[in-house]
Protein backbone atom coordinates (compact mmCIF):
# COMPACT_ATOMS: atom_id res chain seq x y z
CA MET A 1 18.31 -4.08 40.48
CA PRO A 2 19.85 -1.72 37.91
CA GLN A 3 21.43 1.55 38.97
CA TYR A 4 20.44 4.64 36.94
CA ALA A 5 22.50 7.81 36.82
CA TYR A 6 20.11 10.70 36.20
CA VAL A 7 20.03 14.39 35.38
CA ALA A 8 16.85 16.06 36.64
CA LEU A 9 15.28 19.47 37.24
CA ASP A 10 13.70 20.53 40.54
CA SER A 11 10.68 22.80 40.99
CA ASN A 12 12.96 25.85 40.61
CA ASN A 13 14.30 24.52 37.30
CA LYS A 14 17.72 23.81 38.82
CA LYS A 15 19.74 20.81 37.69
CA LYS A 16 20.14 17.85 40.03
CA THR A 17 22.22 14.72 39.44
CA GLY A 18 22.51 11.42 41.24
CA THR A 19 21.88 7.68 41.05
CA VAL A 20 18.74 5.68 41.78
CA SER A 21 18.01 1.95 41.98
CA ALA A 22 15.00 1.05 39.84
CA ASP A 23 13.67 -1.92 37.91
CA ASP A 24 13.22 0.13 34.73
CA PRO A 25 13.01 3.73 33.44
CA VAL A 26 9.30 3.93 34.31
CA GLN A 27 10.00 3.18 37.97
CA LEU A 28 12.89 5.65 37.82
CA TYR A 29 10.40 8.35 36.77
CA HIS A 30 8.14 7.47 39.73
CA VAL A 31 11.02 7.62 42.22
CA LEU A 32 12.12 11.03 40.95
CA GLN A 33 8.53 12.31 40.95
CA GLU A 34 8.26 11.43 44.64
CA ARG A 35 11.31 13.63 45.16
CA SER A 36 9.67 16.48 43.15
CA LEU A 37 12.23 16.04 40.36
CA PHE A 38 11.67 15.91 36.61
CA CYS A 39 13.96 13.47 34.79
CA VAL A 40 15.83 15.12 31.89
CA SER A 41 18.13 12.23 30.98
CA TYR A 42 19.37 8.97 32.44
CA SER A 43 21.86 6.20 31.78
CA ASP A 44 21.82 2.60 32.97
CA GLN A 45 24.84 1.98 35.20
CA GLY A 46 24.13 -1.71 35.69
CA ALA A 47 22.50 -4.76 34.15
CA ALA A 48 24.45 -4.42 30.90
CA ASN A 49 22.45 -7.18 29.29
CA VAL A 50 19.21 -5.18 29.55
CA GLY A 51 18.46 -3.10 26.48
CA SER A 52 21.75 -4.06 24.82
CA HIS A 53 20.18 -4.13 21.34
CA HIS A 54 18.56 -1.05 19.84
CA THR A 55 15.10 -1.53 18.33
CA SER A 56 14.03 0.84 15.56
CA ASN A 57 10.55 2.28 15.13
CA LYS A 58 10.11 0.16 12.01
CA GLN A 59 10.91 -3.03 13.93
CA LEU A 60 8.64 -2.01 16.81
CA SER A 61 5.81 -1.25 14.37
CA LEU A 62 6.11 -4.67 12.73
CA PHE A 63 6.37 -6.41 16.11
CA CYS A 64 3.26 -4.67 17.50
CA ARG A 65 1.25 -5.28 14.32
CA GLN A 66 1.89 -9.03 14.42
CA LEU A 67 1.01 -9.26 18.11
CA ALA A 68 -2.12 -7.13 17.70
CA SER A 69 -3.40 -9.34 14.87
CA MET A 70 -3.02 -12.54 16.87
CA LEU A 71 -4.41 -11.05 20.09
CA HIS A 72 -7.46 -9.76 18.20
CA ALA A 73 -7.94 -13.31 16.90
CA GLY A 74 -8.26 -14.56 20.49
CA MET A 75 -4.78 -16.01 21.04
CA SER A 76 -2.99 -15.53 24.35
CA ILE A 77 0.17 -13.44 24.53
CA GLY A 78 2.24 -16.57 25.18
CA ASP A 79 0.82 -18.43 22.19
CA SER A 80 1.25 -15.34 20.01
CA LEU A 81 4.93 -15.02 20.90
CA ASN A 82 5.40 -18.76 20.37
CA VAL A 83 3.99 -18.48 16.85
CA MET A 84 6.17 -15.45 16.11
CA ARG A 85 9.34 -17.09 17.34
CA ARG A 86 8.72 -20.12 15.10
CA ARG A 87 7.31 -18.52 11.97
CA ALA A 88 8.41 -14.89 11.80
CA THR A 89 10.33 -14.12 8.61
CA ASP A 90 12.13 -11.12 10.09
CA ALA A 91 15.24 -12.28 11.99
CA THR A 92 15.07 -9.53 14.59
CA MET A 93 11.41 -10.17 15.33
CA LYS A 94 12.11 -13.90 15.65
CA ARG A 95 14.84 -13.24 18.23
CA GLN A 96 12.66 -10.74 20.11
CA ALA A 97 9.72 -13.14 20.27
CA ALA A 98 11.92 -16.05 21.36
CA ALA A 99 13.52 -14.05 24.19
CA LEU A 100 10.17 -12.72 25.43
CA TYR A 101 8.52 -16.14 25.18
CA GLU A 102 11.26 -17.70 27.32
CA LYS A 103 10.74 -15.04 29.98
CA LEU A 104 6.98 -15.57 29.98
CA GLN A 105 7.56 -19.29 30.63
CA LYS A 106 9.15 -18.27 33.92
CA GLY A 107 5.81 -16.87 35.09
CA ILE A 108 6.41 -13.13 34.72
CA THR A 109 4.08 -10.72 32.97
CA PHE A 110 4.57 -9.46 29.42
CA SER A 111 5.36 -5.93 30.61
CA GLN A 112 7.99 -7.27 33.01
CA ALA A 113 9.46 -9.36 30.18
CA LEU A 114 9.74 -6.20 28.08
CA ARG A 115 11.57 -4.46 30.95
CA GLU A 116 14.08 -7.30 31.28
CA ALA A 117 14.52 -7.95 27.56
CA ASP A 118 17.86 -7.72 25.78
CA TYR A 119 16.17 -5.37 23.31
CA ASP A 120 15.62 -1.71 24.06
CA PHE A 121 11.83 -1.40 24.35
CA PRO A 122 10.81 2.23 25.09
CA PRO A 123 9.11 3.24 28.38
CA LEU A 124 6.06 4.26 26.34
CA MET A 125 5.53 0.67 25.21
CA ILE A 126 6.23 -0.82 28.64
CA SER A 127 3.78 1.52 30.39
CA MET A 128 1.00 0.98 27.86
CA VAL A 129 1.43 -2.81 27.94
CA ALA A 130 1.31 -2.80 31.76
CA SER A 131 -1.88 -0.76 31.62
CA GLY A 132 -3.35 -3.08 28.98
CA GLU A 133 -2.63 -6.11 31.15
CA VAL A 134 -4.51 -4.54 34.07
CA SER A 135 -7.50 -3.44 31.98
CA GLY A 136 -7.63 -6.62 29.88
CA GLN A 137 -7.32 -4.64 26.64
CA LEU A 138 -3.85 -5.69 25.56
CA ASP A 139 -5.01 -6.24 21.97
CA SER A 140 -6.23 -2.64 21.67
CA VAL A 141 -3.03 -1.37 23.29
CA MET A 142 -0.89 -3.25 20.77
CA SER A 143 -2.96 -1.77 17.94
CA ASP A 144 -2.38 1.73 19.35
CA LEU A 145 1.33 1.03 19.66
CA TYR A 146 1.44 -0.22 16.07
CA GLU A 147 -0.14 3.03 14.87
CA HIS A 148 2.18 5.11 17.03
CA PHE A 149 5.42 3.49 15.87
CA THR A 150 4.21 3.51 12.26
CA HIS A 151 3.68 7.27 12.45
CA GLU A 152 7.05 7.74 14.17
CA ASN A 153 8.82 5.74 11.47
CA LYS A 154 7.03 7.72 8.74
CA LEU A 155 8.02 11.04 10.33
CA ASN A 156 11.64 9.97 10.71
CA ASN A 157 11.76 8.85 7.08
CA GLN A 158 10.30 12.17 5.94
CA VAL A 159 13.00 14.11 7.77
CA ILE A 160 15.75 11.81 6.45
CA ASN A 161 14.44 12.12 2.90
CA ALA A 162 14.24 15.89 3.27
CA MET A 163 17.88 16.12 4.35
CA THR A 164 19.29 13.58 1.87
CA TYR A 165 19.24 15.84 -1.21
CA PRO A 166 20.90 18.89 0.44
CA ILE A 167 23.57 16.70 2.02
CA ILE A 168 24.36 14.97 -1.29
CA LEU A 169 24.50 18.29 -3.14
CA LEU A 170 26.73 19.80 -0.45
CA ALA A 171 29.07 16.80 -0.60
CA VAL A 172 29.26 17.05 -4.40
CA THR A 173 30.01 20.77 -4.15
CA VAL A 174 32.84 20.17 -1.66
CA LEU A 175 34.35 17.41 -3.83
CA VAL A 176 34.15 19.47 -7.03
CA VAL A 177 35.67 22.55 -5.41
CA THR A 178 38.43 20.50 -3.79
CA PHE A 179 39.28 18.89 -7.14
CA LEU A 180 39.37 22.26 -8.90
CA MET A 181 41.50 23.85 -6.17
CA THR A 182 44.07 21.05 -6.02
CA ALA A 183 44.25 19.62 -9.56
CA VAL A 184 43.02 22.20 -12.06
CA LEU A 185 43.65 25.72 -10.77
CA PRO A 186 47.38 25.32 -9.95
CA THR A 187 47.97 24.83 -13.69
CA PHE A 188 46.26 28.12 -14.50
CA PHE A 189 48.08 29.94 -11.72
CA THR A 190 51.43 29.17 -13.39
CA LEU A 191 50.36 31.52 -16.21
CA PHE A 192 50.47 34.47 -13.83
CA GLY A 193 53.98 35.83 -13.43
CA GLU A 194 55.37 37.05 -10.14
CA GLY A 195 54.42 40.64 -9.37
CA ALA A 196 51.38 40.52 -11.66
CA GLN A 197 48.51 42.77 -10.64
CA LEU A 198 45.74 40.34 -9.78
CA PRO A 199 42.21 40.96 -8.47
CA TRP A 200 41.61 40.28 -4.77
CA SER A 201 39.41 37.30 -5.64
CA THR A 202 42.21 35.68 -7.64
CA ARG A 203 44.74 36.25 -4.84
CA LEU A 204 42.33 34.73 -2.35
CA LEU A 205 41.79 31.74 -4.61
CA MET A 206 45.56 31.25 -5.09
CA TRP A 207 46.13 31.34 -1.34
CA GLN A 208 43.31 28.82 -0.75
CA SER A 209 44.61 26.51 -3.49
CA ASN A 210 48.21 26.61 -2.20
CA SER A 211 47.09 25.91 1.36
CA LEU A 212 45.04 22.90 0.22
CA VAL A 213 47.91 21.50 -1.85
CA HIS A 214 50.73 22.02 0.64
CA PHE A 215 48.97 22.00 4.02
CA TRP A 216 46.08 19.57 3.41
CA TYR A 217 46.78 17.81 6.71
CA LEU A 218 45.85 20.99 8.59
CA TYR A 219 42.37 20.82 7.10
CA ILE A 220 42.01 17.20 8.24
CA ILE A 221 43.17 18.15 11.73
CA GLY A 222 40.69 21.04 11.72
CA VAL A 223 37.79 18.76 10.81
CA VAL A 224 38.76 16.27 13.52
CA LEU A 225 39.00 19.08 16.10
CA ILE A 226 35.57 20.40 15.10
CA VAL A 227 34.05 16.92 15.48
CA LEU A 228 35.68 16.51 18.90
CA LEU A 229 34.49 19.99 19.92
CA PHE A 230 30.88 19.15 19.11
CA LYS A 231 31.17 15.84 20.96
CA PHE A 232 32.41 17.76 23.98
CA LEU A 233 29.66 20.37 23.65
CA ASN A 234 27.01 17.64 23.45
CA HIS A 235 27.87 16.80 27.06
CA ASN A 236 27.51 20.44 28.14
CA ASN A 237 24.01 21.07 29.49
CA GLY A 238 24.05 24.77 28.60
CA TYR A 239 24.97 24.12 24.98
CA VAL A 240 22.50 21.24 24.63
CA MET A 241 19.70 23.42 26.02
CA TRP A 242 20.58 26.23 23.56
CA ARG A 243 20.86 23.79 20.63
CA ASP A 244 17.54 22.12 21.36
CA ARG A 245 15.81 25.47 21.81
CA MET A 246 17.19 26.68 18.48
CA LYS A 247 15.83 23.57 16.77
CA VAL A 248 12.35 25.08 17.00
CA ARG A 249 13.47 28.65 16.24
CA TRP A 250 15.74 28.29 13.23
CA PRO A 251 14.40 29.76 10.00
CA LEU A 252 12.97 27.12 7.65
CA PHE A 253 13.72 24.19 9.99
CA GLY A 254 12.18 25.62 13.19
CA LYS A 255 8.57 25.46 12.03
CA LEU A 256 9.03 21.90 10.78
CA ASN A 257 10.59 20.70 14.05
CA ARG A 258 7.89 22.42 16.12
CA THR A 259 5.20 20.72 14.02
CA ILE A 260 6.88 17.32 14.42
CA TYR A 261 7.20 17.74 18.20
CA THR A 262 3.54 18.78 18.43
CA ALA A 263 2.42 15.75 16.40
CA ARG A 264 4.49 13.38 18.54
CA PHE A 265 3.21 14.85 21.79
CA ALA A 266 -0.45 14.80 20.74
CA ARG A 267 -0.30 11.25 19.40
CA THR A 268 1.75 9.86 22.31
CA PHE A 269 -0.31 11.59 24.99
CA ALA A 270 -3.55 10.39 23.37
CA SER A 271 -2.34 6.77 23.38
CA LEU A 272 -1.19 6.95 27.01
CA PHE A 273 -4.34 8.74 28.18
CA ARG A 274 -6.57 6.21 26.39
CA SER A 275 -4.61 3.38 28.03
CA GLY A 276 -5.34 4.74 31.51
CA ILE A 277 -1.83 6.00 32.32
CA PRO A 278 -1.93 8.79 34.95
CA VAL A 279 -1.55 12.26 33.42
CA ILE A 280 1.72 13.10 35.16
CA ASP A 281 3.27 9.76 34.14
CA ALA A 282 2.02 10.33 30.60
CA MET A 283 3.66 13.78 30.50
CA GLN A 284 6.94 12.30 31.73
CA ILE A 285 6.89 9.65 29.00
CA CYS A 286 5.99 12.23 26.33
CA ALA A 287 9.01 14.29 27.33
CA ASP A 288 11.20 11.20 26.97
CA VAL A 289 9.74 10.50 23.50
CA LEU A 290 10.58 14.01 22.22
CA HIS A 291 14.32 13.79 23.10
CA ASN A 292 14.74 17.57 23.43
CA ARG A 293 16.28 19.22 26.50
CA TYR A 294 14.40 22.48 25.94
CA TYR A 295 11.09 20.60 25.85
CA ASP A 296 12.16 18.67 28.96
CA ALA A 297 12.34 21.97 30.86
CA CYS A 298 8.94 22.98 29.44
CA PHE A 299 7.41 19.67 30.53
CA ALA A 300 8.91 20.08 34.02
CA GLN A 301 7.00 23.34 34.32
CA GLY A 302 3.82 21.77 32.94
CA ILE A 303 3.99 18.79 35.30
CA GLU A 304 4.35 21.08 38.31
CA LEU A 305 1.26 23.00 37.21
CA ILE A 306 -0.75 19.79 36.76
CA ARG A 307 0.46 18.51 40.12
CA SER A 308 -0.78 21.75 41.70
CA GLY A 309 -4.25 21.23 40.20
CA SER A 310 -4.16 23.11 36.88
CA PRO A 311 -6.05 21.66 33.88
CA ILE A 312 -3.95 20.03 31.17
CA SER A 313 -4.82 22.78 28.67
CA THR A 314 -3.63 25.49 31.08
CA ALA A 315 -0.39 23.62 31.78
CA VAL A 316 0.33 23.11 28.06
CA GLU A 317 -0.42 26.78 27.38
CA LYS A 318 1.95 27.93 30.15
CA MET A 319 4.66 25.63 28.77
CA GLY A 320 4.75 27.87 25.69
CA CYS A 321 6.36 25.34 23.37
CA PHE A 322 3.33 24.14 21.38
CA ASP A 323 0.99 25.82 18.93
CA ASP A 324 -2.15 27.60 20.17
CA LEU A 325 -4.29 25.19 18.14
CA LEU A 326 -3.13 22.29 20.30
CA VAL A 327 -4.02 24.20 23.48
CA SER A 328 -7.49 25.01 22.12
CA MET A 329 -8.13 21.40 21.11
CA ILE A 330 -7.00 20.07 24.52
CA TYR A 331 -9.37 22.53 26.20
CA THR A 332 -12.19 21.38 23.93
CA GLY A 333 -11.42 17.73 24.73
CA GLU A 334 -11.43 18.43 28.46
CA GLN A 335 -14.79 20.17 28.26
CA SER A 336 -16.36 17.45 26.11
CA GLY A 337 -14.82 14.53 27.99
CA GLU A 338 -13.27 13.15 24.79
CA LEU A 339 -9.67 14.24 25.25
CA ASP A 340 -8.13 11.06 23.82
CA GLY A 341 -10.15 11.28 20.60
CA VAL A 342 -9.45 14.99 20.18
CA LEU A 343 -5.73 14.48 20.73
CA LYS A 344 -5.65 11.64 18.22
CA SER A 345 -7.29 13.90 15.63
CA VAL A 346 -4.83 16.68 16.41
CA GLY A 347 -1.92 14.26 16.06
CA GLU A 348 -3.17 13.18 12.64
CA TYR A 349 -3.59 16.82 11.63
CA TYR A 350 -0.04 17.71 12.65
CA ASP A 351 1.30 14.58 10.96
CA GLN A 352 -0.17 15.90 7.71
CA GLU A 353 1.21 19.36 8.47
CA ALA A 354 4.67 17.89 9.08
CA GLU A 355 4.53 16.05 5.76
CA ALA A 356 3.45 19.22 3.94
CA ALA A 357 6.12 21.30 5.72
CA THR A 358 8.76 18.73 4.77
CA GLU A 359 7.76 18.90 1.12
CA ARG A 360 7.88 22.72 1.22
CA MET A 361 11.30 22.64 2.83
CA VAL A 362 12.67 20.27 0.19
CA ALA A 363 11.17 22.44 -2.55
CA ALA A 364 12.87 25.51 -1.05
CA LEU A 365 16.23 23.83 -0.36
CA GLN A 366 16.74 22.47 -3.87
CA PRO A 367 17.00 25.85 -5.67
CA ILE A 368 18.88 27.37 -2.73
CA MET A 369 21.56 24.67 -2.83
CA ILE A 370 21.81 24.88 -6.63
CA ILE A 371 22.23 28.67 -6.43
CA ILE A 372 24.93 28.33 -3.75
CA MET A 373 26.79 25.74 -5.84
CA GLY A 374 26.49 27.98 -8.92
CA LEU A 375 27.81 31.01 -7.04
CA ILE A 376 30.83 29.08 -5.77
CA ILE A 377 31.71 27.69 -9.20
CA GLY A 378 31.00 31.07 -10.79
CA PHE A 379 33.32 32.83 -8.33
CA ILE A 380 36.11 30.39 -9.17
CA MET A 381 35.63 30.80 -12.92
CA VAL A 382 35.53 34.61 -12.77
CA SER A 383 38.59 34.72 -10.50
CA VAL A 384 40.57 32.71 -13.07
CA ILE A 385 39.20 34.09 -16.35
CA VAL A 386 39.40 37.82 -15.54
CA PRO A 387 43.21 37.96 -15.01
CA ILE A 388 43.77 35.74 -18.08
CA TYR A 389 41.61 38.06 -20.15
CA ASN A 390 43.52 41.08 -18.81
CA MET A 391 46.84 39.44 -19.74
CA TYR A 392 45.79 38.85 -23.35
CA SER A 393 44.31 42.35 -23.58
CA SER A 394 47.61 43.91 -22.51
CA ILE A 395 49.51 41.82 -25.08
CA LEU A 396 47.22 42.89 -27.89
């Protein structure tokens, strides 16, 4: 049985660490719940072959779609995997299906095969499949999973596309400025004699250019040290908590991240609730899906409230990390008895909001980055041209 090293929060929001033996992350959550602990993060200390290959949302979406189609057609899960392993055109899907099919031939269930697979299937998928096996609605569960991973892949692509243009423009700016400072400007600086009265901007530019030309290795060392510093900080719980909290509070990006987290929570919780997963287990899995330490602490508070008998809407409201609209819709769903349908509608609404917010962010970033690049190039040009103009004016 694998050993999991965990970081958890108790009812007083204090950090606890330790190791637990569990068959999979879902069982790990149950063990920690029995100890009144909320799992923040975990790492597998044993069974290195389990989950050794990462599976992307795109691959999971394709995998679930194929299975859902064949299950809806009346095929068994074993026959469906057998067809996929023989006829799938995607190499990853073919290997996944073959590995799972071999495990099913040993007499274990599909959910257990997912737990023991060499591919990293998320706890969300494992829990929903286990519930679908019990209820006899595995085909519907696979359809829900297909929709979920499709939305997740779409959201991830939107964020990546939104960040691609600013990153490219920033890289071009750095390359252009570095070229000017090391190859072009030193030639102009030779025109200025020693003791010449130069503007502060020109002196600053000369110092920066000389340092880049003669001490370039210090800049490389500085970049390496900064990268190492952030790697170190990413293992510091205080910094990670601050960073993840700032993700939803930063100007421009904060609103987008908050909308994305709300969409993911609503959609994931709706799928789990519809599959019959207990509310507390569903909240634990939702926290794992969000991958945010600040939201982990919020969910720990919400789970304690639900465990003490509070309605879901009250717990989500007290968590204070989601929009008021979500709280109102959850309350409406509880009163009407259609919480899963309401949450699915809210998830679709926030998916559209996330897409619109991403487009607005890209539209705002493009002129901002162009202005910043123009100011940098303009500063360099003015710092060089003004002293040259003054020199020729004094000669004339």
